[in-house]
Structures are given as C-alpha cells and as structure tokens.
Amino acid sequence: FCHRFQRAVQENEERELKEQKRLERQREVVEKRRSLAVCTGLDLGLSLAREPQCQEDKDELERLLEKNLSYTWSRRSL
C-alpha cells in the first residue's frame, strides 16, 4: 500500500508540473498573439478606431516586412 501511495503522490506532482508548464506556454502564446495584434493594428480597439485606413496600413506593413526580409537575406548572402 505504501509504495502505491508514494507512486500516486509522485504521479500527482508530475501531473501538476505538466499542467503548470502547459499554462505557462498558453500564457506565452496569448501574449505573443496580443503583441502581434497590437503591432499590426488588429487589436479590437485600434482596428475600430482606424477602420478606413486598416487595409492601407496592412498593405504598408506587408511591404515593410517584405523589404526588411529581402534586405536581411541579401546581407546574409554577402
């Protein structure tokens, strides 16, 4: 009985640790998603306030990202 109880306690501790790690990863994903939304103007408050310019801003952001990416790749090939 004692061995089974100790094993059950250990399994519970491992399960709690896995759950904590899962929650931490989930928090990180939410923070990254929120950061991305703010940076791209997709945040609900920002997008409602800037609705007419939204598509233009997205296009400009995409152009800047592509330009930066191509610049980075051209520097790496040197």
PDB file of N, CA and C in Angstrom:
ATOM      1  N   PHE A   1       0.828  -1.202   0.000  1.00  0.00           N
ATOM      2  CA  PHE A   1       0.000   0.000   0.000  1.00  0.00           C
ATOM      3  C   PHE A   1       0.867   1.258   0.000  1.00  0.00           C
ATOM      4  N   CYS A   2       1.908   1.248   0.792  1.00  0.00           N
ATOM      5  CA  CYS A   2       2.773   2.424   0.919  1.00  0.00           C
ATOM      6  C   CYS A   2       3.421   2.783  -0.425  1.00  0.00           C
ATOM      7  N   HIS A   3       3.875   1.775  -1.161  1.00  0.00           N
ATOM      8  CA  HIS A   3       4.504   2.026  -2.460  1.00  0.00           C
ATOM      9  C   HIS A   3       3.502   2.600  -3.460  1.00  0.00           C
ATOM     10  N   ARG A   4       2.297   2.062  -3.458  1.00  0.00           N
ATOM     11  CA  ARG A   4       1.273   2.580  -4.373  1.00  0.00           C
ATOM     12  C   ARG A   4       0.924   4.020  -4.027  1.00  0.00           C
ATOM     13  N   PHE A   5       0.847   4.314  -2.735  1.00  0.00           N
ATOM     14  CA  PHE A   5       0.528   5.671  -2.301  1.00  0.00           C
ATOM     15  C   PHE A   5       1.638   6.642  -2.725  1.00  0.00           C
ATOM     16  N   GLN A   6       2.881   6.258  -2.509  1.00  0.00           N
ATOM     17  CA  GLN A   6       4.007   7.117  -2.896  1.00  0.00           C
ATOM     18  C   GLN A   6       4.038   7.329  -4.408  1.00  0.00           C
ATOM     19  N   ARG A   7       3.753   6.278  -5.159  1.00  0.00           N
ATOM     20  CA  ARG A   7       3.724   6.395  -6.615  1.00  0.00           C
ATOM     21  C   ARG A   7       2.590   7.335  -7.048  1.00  0.00           C
ATOM     22  N   ALA A   8       1.446   7.225  -6.389  1.00  0.00           N
ATOM     23  CA  ALA A   8       0.318   8.102  -6.717  1.00  0.00           C
ATOM     24  C   ALA A   8       0.657   9.561  -6.404  1.00  0.00           C
ATOM     25  N   VAL A   9       1.331   9.794  -5.292  1.00  0.00           N
ATOM     26  CA  VAL A   9       1.734  11.155  -4.925  1.00  0.00           C
ATOM     27  C   VAL A   9       2.702  11.706  -5.970  1.00  0.00           C
ATOM     28  N   GLN A  10       3.663  10.879  -6.384  1.00  0.00           N
ATOM     29  CA  GLN A  10       4.633  11.303  -7.387  1.00  0.00           C
ATOM     30  C   GLN A  10       3.943  11.600  -8.722  1.00  0.00           C
ATOM     31  N   GLU A  11       3.006  10.751  -9.114  1.00  0.00           N
ATOM     32  CA  GLU A  11       2.273  10.987 -10.359  1.00  0.00           C
ATOM     33  C   GLU A  11       1.477  12.284 -10.290  1.00  0.00           C
ATOM     34  N   ASN A  12       0.889  12.562  -9.132  1.00  0.00           N
ATOM     35  CA  ASN A  12       0.141  13.811  -8.967  1.00  0.00           C
ATOM     36  C   ASN A  12       1.063  15.019  -9.096  1.00  0.00           C
ATOM     37  N   GLU A  13       2.248  14.937  -8.494  1.00  0.00           N
ATOM     38  CA  GLU A  13       3.208  16.037  -8.586  1.00  0.00           C
ATOM     39  C   GLU A  13       3.638  16.252 -10.034  1.00  0.00           C
ATOM     40  N   GLU A  14       3.899  15.164 -10.747  1.00  0.00           N
ATOM     41  CA  GLU A  14       4.292  15.268 -12.155  1.00  0.00           C
ATOM     42  C   GLU A  14       3.165  15.860 -12.990  1.00  0.00           C
ATOM     43  N   ARG A  15       1.939  15.453 -12.700  1.00  0.00           N
ATOM     44  CA  ARG A  15       0.778  15.973 -13.426  1.00  0.00           C
ATOM     45  C   ARG A  15       0.623  17.469 -13.174  1.00  0.00           C
ATOM     46  N   GLU A  16       0.799  17.895 -11.919  1.00  0.00           N
ATOM     47  CA  GLU A  16       0.695  19.316 -11.594  1.00  0.00           C
ATOM     48  C   GLU A  16       1.785  20.121 -12.297  1.00  0.00           C
ATOM     49  N   LEU A  17       2.999  19.578 -12.348  1.00  0.00           N
ATOM     50  CA  LEU A  17       4.101  20.255 -13.024  1.00  0.00           C
ATOM     51  C   LEU A  17       3.813  20.393 -14.516  1.00  0.00           C
ATOM     52  N   LYS A  18       3.304  19.327 -15.137  1.00  0.00           N
ATOM     53  CA  LYS A  18       2.948  19.390 -16.556  1.00  0.00           C
ATOM     54  C   LYS A  18       1.866  20.435 -16.797  1.00  0.00           C
ATOM     55  N   GLU A  19       0.894  20.505 -15.904  1.00  0.00           N
ATOM     56  CA  GLU A  19      -0.189  21.475 -16.043  1.00  0.00           C
ATOM     57  C   GLU A  19       0.350  22.899 -15.921  1.00  0.00           C
ATOM     58  N   GLN A  20       1.267  23.125 -14.978  1.00  0.00           N
ATOM     59  CA  GLN A  20       1.866  24.452 -14.824  1.00  0.00           C
ATOM     60  C   GLN A  20       2.636  24.847 -16.081  1.00  0.00           C
ATOM     61  N   LYS A  21       3.394  23.912 -16.651  1.00  0.00           N
ATOM     62  CA  LYS A  21       4.141  24.197 -17.875  1.00  0.00           C
ATOM     63  C   LYS A  21       3.193  24.491 -19.031  1.00  0.00           C
ATOM     64  N   ARG A  22       2.094  23.726 -19.112  1.00  0.00           N
ATOM     65  CA  ARG A  22       1.116  23.945 -20.175  1.00  0.00           C
ATOM     66  C   ARG A  22       0.490  25.335 -20.051  1.00  0.00           C
ATOM     67  N   LEU A  23       0.144  25.732 -18.819  1.00  0.00           N
ATOM     68  CA  LEU A  23      -0.445  27.048 -18.604  1.00  0.00           C
ATOM     69  C   LEU A  23       0.542  28.163 -18.944  1.00  0.00           C
ATOM     70  N   GLU A  24       1.810  27.960 -18.604  1.00  0.00           N
ATOM     71  CA  GLU A  24       2.829  28.960 -18.923  1.00  0.00           C
ATOM     72  C   GLU A  24       2.983  29.107 -20.440  1.00  0.00           C
ATOM     73  N   ARG A  25       3.020  27.983 -21.157  1.00  0.00           N
ATOM     74  CA  ARG A  25       3.105  28.045 -22.620  1.00  0.00           C
ATOM     75  C   ARG A  25       1.882  28.744 -23.203  1.00  0.00           C
ATOM     76  N   GLN A  26       0.718  28.444 -22.642  1.00  0.00           N
ATOM     77  CA  GLN A  26      -0.512  29.065 -23.126  1.00  0.00           C
ATOM     78  C   GLN A  26      -0.471  30.578 -22.891  1.00  0.00           C
ATOM     79  N   ARG A  27       0.025  31.001 -21.725  1.00  0.00           N
ATOM     80  CA  ARG A  27       0.153  32.430 -21.438  1.00  0.00           C
ATOM     81  C   ARG A  27       1.103  33.104 -22.432  1.00  0.00           C
ATOM     82  N   GLU A  28       2.220  32.433 -22.732  1.00  0.00           N
ATOM     83  CA  GLU A  28       3.176  32.992 -23.688  1.00  0.00           C
ATOM     84  C   GLU A  28       2.550  33.144 -25.072  1.00  0.00           C
ATOM     85  N   VAL A  29       1.778  32.153 -25.484  1.00  0.00           N
ATOM     86  CA  VAL A  29       1.122  32.218 -26.793  1.00  0.00           C
ATOM     87  C   VAL A  29       0.139  33.378 -26.828  1.00  0.00           C
ATOM     88  N   VAL A  30      -0.621  33.551 -25.752  1.00  0.00           N
ATOM     89  CA  VAL A  30      -1.593  34.643 -25.696  1.00  0.00           C
ATOM     90  C   VAL A  30      -0.872  35.991 -25.733  1.00  0.00           C
ATOM     91  N   GLU A  31       0.237  36.109 -25.001  1.00  0.00           N
ATOM     92  CA  GLU A  31       0.992  37.361 -25.004  1.00  0.00           C
ATOM     93  C   GLU A  31       1.546  37.660 -26.390  1.00  0.00           C
ATOM     94  N   LYS A  32       2.072  36.643 -27.065  1.00  0.00           N
ATOM     95  CA  LYS A  32       2.602  36.844 -28.412  1.00  0.00           C
ATOM     96  C   LYS A  32       1.493  37.247 -29.368  1.00  0.00           C
ATOM     97  N   ARG A  33       0.350  36.594 -29.246  1.00  0.00           N
ATOM     98  CA  ARG A  33      -0.780  36.908 -30.120  1.00  0.00           C
ATOM     99  C   ARG A  33      -1.243  38.343 -29.884  1.00  0.00           C
ATOM    100  N   ARG A  34      -1.300  38.734 -28.614  1.00  0.00           N
ATOM    101  CA  ARG A  34      -1.729  40.087 -28.274  1.00  0.00           C
ATOM    102  C   ARG A  34      -0.717  41.106 -28.795  1.00  0.00           C
ATOM    103  N   SER A  35       0.563  40.801 -28.642  1.00  0.00           N
ATOM    104  CA  SER A  35       1.607  41.694 -29.130  1.00  0.00           C
ATOM    105  C   SER A  35       1.524  41.843 -30.644  1.00  0.00           C
ATOM    106  N   LEU A  36       1.332  40.741 -31.330  1.00  0.00           N
ATOM    107  CA  LEU A  36       1.208  40.775 -32.785  1.00  0.00           C
ATOM    108  C   LEU A  36      -0.013  41.590 -33.201  1.00  0.00           C
ATOM    109  N   ALA A  37      -1.107  41.420 -32.476  1.00  0.00           N
ATOM    110  CA  ALA A  37      -2.331  42.153 -32.802  1.00  0.00           C
ATOM    111  C   ALA A  37      -2.123  43.647 -32.629  1.00  0.00           C
ATOM    112  N   VAL A  38      -1.425  44.037 -31.582  1.00  0.00           N
ATOM    113  CA  VAL A  38      -1.176  45.455 -31.350  1.00  0.00           C
ATOM    114  C   VAL A  38      -0.240  46.006 -32.419  1.00  0.00           C
ATOM    115  N   CYS A  39       0.799  45.245 -32.749  1.00  0.00           N
ATOM    116  CA  CYS A  39       1.776  45.713 -33.745  1.00  0.00           C
ATOM    117  C   CYS A  39       1.161  45.844 -35.129  1.00  0.00           C
ATOM    118  N   THR A  40       0.225  44.998 -35.461  1.00  0.00           N
ATOM    119  CA  THR A  40      -0.373  45.042 -36.795  1.00  0.00           C
ATOM    120  C   THR A  40      -1.662  45.851 -36.830  1.00  0.00           C
ATOM    121  N   GLY A  41      -2.068  46.414 -35.695  1.00  0.00           N
ATOM    122  CA  GLY A  41      -3.288  47.202 -35.665  1.00  0.00           C
ATOM    123  C   GLY A  41      -4.536  46.347 -35.659  1.00  0.00           C
ATOM    124  N   LEU A  42      -4.388  45.067 -35.337  1.00  0.00           N
ATOM    125  CA  LEU A  42      -5.546  44.183 -35.317  1.00  0.00           C
ATOM    126  C   LEU A  42      -6.234  44.166 -33.967  1.00  0.00           C
ATOM    127  N   ASP A  43      -5.659  44.858 -33.007  1.00  0.00           N
ATOM    128  CA  ASP A  43      -6.278  44.954 -31.696  1.00  0.00           C
ATOM    129  C   ASP A  43      -7.663  45.564 -31.879  1.00  0.00           C
ATOM    130  N   LEU A  44      -8.643  45.034 -31.200  1.00  0.00           N
ATOM    131  CA  LEU A  44     -10.033  45.438 -31.414  1.00  0.00           C
ATOM    132  C   LEU A  44     -10.215  46.943 -31.282  1.00  0.00           C
ATOM    133  N   GLY A  45      -9.680  47.533 -30.238  1.00  0.00           N
ATOM    134  CA  GLY A  45      -9.828  48.969 -30.043  1.00  0.00           C
ATOM    135  C   GLY A  45      -9.171  49.769 -31.148  1.00  0.00           C
ATOM    136  N   LEU A  46      -7.997  49.356 -31.556  1.00  0.00           N
ATOM    137  CA  LEU A  46      -7.284  50.077 -32.609  1.00  0.00           C
ATOM    138  C   LEU A  46      -7.961  49.905 -33.956  1.00  0.00           C
ATOM    139  N   SER A  47      -8.406  48.700 -34.248  1.00  0.00           N
ATOM    140  CA  SER A  47      -8.998  48.458 -35.564  1.00  0.00           C
ATOM    141  C   SER A  47     -10.329  49.185 -35.716  1.00  0.00           C
ATOM    142  N   LEU A  48     -11.083  49.312 -34.648  1.00  0.00           N
ATOM    143  CA  LEU A  48     -12.348  50.036 -34.740  1.00  0.00           C
ATOM    144  C   LEU A  48     -12.102  51.526 -34.911  1.00  0.00           C
ATOM    145  N   ALA A  49     -11.070  52.030 -34.269  1.00  0.00           N
ATOM    146  CA  ALA A  49     -10.781  53.459 -34.359  1.00  0.00           C
ATOM    147  C   ALA A  49     -10.180  53.830 -35.708  1.00  0.00           C
ATOM    148  N   ARG A  50      -9.541  52.876 -36.390  1.00  0.00           N
ATOM    149  CA  ARG A  50      -8.828  53.172 -37.627  1.00  0.00           C
ATOM    150  C   ARG A  50      -9.369  52.354 -38.797  1.00  0.00           C
ATOM    151  N   GLU A  51     -10.633  52.083 -38.813  1.00  0.00           N
ATOM    152  CA  GLU A  51     -11.240  51.212 -39.828  1.00  0.00           C
ATOM    153  C   GLU A  51     -10.966  51.637 -41.270  1.00  0.00           C
ATOM    154  N   PRO A  52     -11.138  52.893 -41.665  1.00  0.00           N
ATOM    155  CA  PRO A  52     -10.939  53.241 -43.073  1.00  0.00           C
ATOM    156  C   PRO A  52      -9.501  53.024 -43.549  1.00  0.00           C
ATOM    157  N   GLN A  53      -8.539  53.214 -42.690  1.00  0.00           N
ATOM    158  CA  GLN A  53      -7.140  53.102 -43.069  1.00  0.00           C
ATOM    159  C   GLN A  53      -6.605  51.699 -42.874  1.00  0.00           C
ATOM    160  N   CYS A  54      -7.399  50.814 -42.378  1.00  0.00           N
ATOM    161  CA  CYS A  54      -6.941  49.489 -41.976  1.00  0.00           C
ATOM    162  C   CYS A  54      -6.254  48.742 -43.117  1.00  0.00           C
ATOM    163  N   GLN A  55      -6.873  48.687 -44.278  1.00  0.00           N
ATOM    164  CA  GLN A  55      -6.292  47.935 -45.395  1.00  0.00           C
ATOM    165  C   GLN A  55      -4.994  48.574 -45.866  1.00  0.00           C
ATOM    166  N   GLU A  56      -4.964  49.893 -45.907  1.00  0.00           N
ATOM    167  CA  GLU A  56      -3.739  50.589 -46.311  1.00  0.00           C
ATOM    168  C   GLU A  56      -2.608  50.292 -45.338  1.00  0.00           C
ATOM    169  N   ASP A  57      -2.913  50.293 -44.047  1.00  0.00           N
ATOM    170  CA  ASP A  57      -1.897  50.005 -43.037  1.00  0.00           C
ATOM    171  C   ASP A  57      -1.386  48.576 -43.161  1.00  0.00           C
ATOM    172  N   LYS A  58      -2.292  47.652 -43.428  1.00  0.00           N
ATOM    173  CA  LYS A  58      -1.878  46.257 -43.592  1.00  0.00           C
ATOM    174  C   LYS A  58      -0.973  46.106 -44.806  1.00  0.00           C
ATOM    175  N   ASP A  59      -1.334  46.791 -45.896  1.00  0.00           N
ATOM    176  CA  ASP A  59      -0.514  46.729 -47.106  1.00  0.00           C
ATOM    177  C   ASP A  59       0.867  47.325 -46.854  1.00  0.00           C
ATOM    178  N   GLU A  60       0.893  48.449 -46.156  1.00  0.00           N
ATOM    179  CA  GLU A  60       2.174  49.088 -45.858  1.00  0.00           C
ATOM    180  C   GLU A  60       3.026  48.205 -44.956  1.00  0.00           C
ATOM    181  N   LEU A  61       2.411  47.618 -43.956  1.00  0.00           N
ATOM    182  CA  LEU A  61       3.132  46.722 -43.062  1.00  0.00           C
ATOM    183  C   LEU A  61       3.704  45.545 -43.837  1.00  0.00           C
ATOM    184  N   GLU A  62       2.903  44.975 -44.717  1.00  0.00           N
ATOM    185  CA  GLU A  62       3.371  43.843 -45.512  1.00  0.00           C
ATOM    186  C   GLU A  62       4.552  44.241 -46.397  1.00  0.00           C
ATOM    187  N   ARG A  63       4.479  45.406 -47.022  1.00  0.00           N
ATOM    188  CA  ARG A  63       5.590  45.879 -47.854  1.00  0.00           C
ATOM    189  C   ARG A  63       6.856  46.067 -47.022  1.00  0.00           C
ATOM    190  N   LEU A  64       6.711  46.674 -45.845  1.00  0.00           N
ATOM    191  CA  LEU A  64       7.874  46.888 -44.986  1.00  0.00           C
ATOM    192  C   LEU A  64       8.485  45.573 -44.531  1.00  0.00           C
ATOM    193  N   LEU A  65       7.640  44.620 -44.178  1.00  0.00           N
ATOM    194  CA  LEU A  65       8.150  43.319 -43.750  1.00  0.00           C
ATOM    195  C   LEU A  65       8.872  42.612 -44.888  1.00  0.00           C
ATOM    196  N   GLU A  66       8.307  42.652 -46.080  1.00  0.00           N
ATOM    197  CA  GLU A  66       8.955  42.023 -47.234  1.00  0.00           C
ATOM    198  C   GLU A  66      10.284  42.702 -47.550  1.00  0.00           C
ATOM    199  N   LYS A  67      10.305  44.034 -47.482  1.00  0.00           N
ATOM    200  CA  LYS A  67      11.536  44.778 -47.747  1.00  0.00           C
ATOM    201  C   LYS A  67      12.607  44.409 -46.723  1.00  0.00           C
ATOM    202  N   ASN A  68      12.222  44.363 -45.464  1.00  0.00           N
ATOM    203  CA  ASN A  68      13.160  44.016 -44.402  1.00  0.00           C
ATOM    204  C   ASN A  68      13.666  42.594 -44.576  1.00  0.00           C
ATOM    205  N   LEU A  69      12.779  41.688 -44.923  1.00  0.00           N
ATOM    206  CA  LEU A  69      13.173  40.296 -45.110  1.00  0.00           C
ATOM    207  C   LEU A  69      14.138  40.157 -46.283  1.00  0.00           C
ATOM    208  N   SER A  70      13.841  40.813 -47.389  1.00  0.00           N
ATOM    209  CA  SER A  70      14.740  40.715 -48.543  1.00  0.00           C
ATOM    210  C   SER A  70      16.081  41.366 -48.232  1.00  0.00           C
ATOM    211  N   TYR A  71      16.084  42.463 -47.472  1.00  0.00           N
ATOM    212  CA  TYR A  71      17.330  43.116 -47.076  1.00  0.00           C
ATOM    213  C   TYR A  71      18.153  42.185 -46.192  1.00  0.00           C
ATOM    214  N   THR A  72      17.498  41.510 -45.257  1.00  0.00           N
ATOM    215  CA  THR A  72      18.189  40.573 -44.368  1.00  0.00           C
ATOM    216  C   THR A  72      18.804  39.439 -45.166  1.00  0.00           C
ATOM    217  N   TRP A  73      18.047  38.886 -46.115  1.00  0.00           N
ATOM    218  CA  TRP A  73      18.572  37.775 -46.918  1.00  0.00           C
ATOM    219  C   TRP A  73      19.707  38.232 -47.814  1.00  0.00           C
ATOM    220  N   SER A  74      19.623  39.435 -48.360  1.00  0.00           N
ATOM    221  CA  SER A  74      20.706  39.906 -49.228  1.00  0.00           C
ATOM    222  C   SER A  74      21.979  40.135 -48.422  1.00  0.00           C
ATOM    223  N   ARG A  75      21.862  40.572 -47.188  1.00  0.00           N
ATOM    224  CA  ARG A  75      23.041  40.765 -46.335  1.00  0.00           C
ATOM    225  C   ARG A  75      23.649  39.429 -45.944  1.00  0.00           C
ATOM    226  N   ARG A  76      22.829  38.416 -45.753  1.00  0.00           N
ATOM    227  CA  ARG A  76      23.343  37.095 -45.384  1.00  0.00           C
ATOM    228  C   ARG A  76      24.108  36.453 -46.529  1.00  0.00           C
ATOM    229  N   SER A  77      23.733  36.764 -47.747  1.00  0.00           N
ATOM    230  CA  SER A  77      24.390  36.129 -48.888  1.00  0.00           C
ATOM    231  C   SER A  77      25.745  36.760 -49.191  1.00  0.00           C
ATOM    232  N   LEU A  78      26.055  37.884 -48.535  1.00  0.00           N
ATOM    233  CA  LEU A  78      27.351  38.540 -48.768  1.00  0.00           C
ATOM    234  C   LEU A  78      28.469  37.776 -48.188  1.00  0.00           C
TER     235      LEU A  78
END
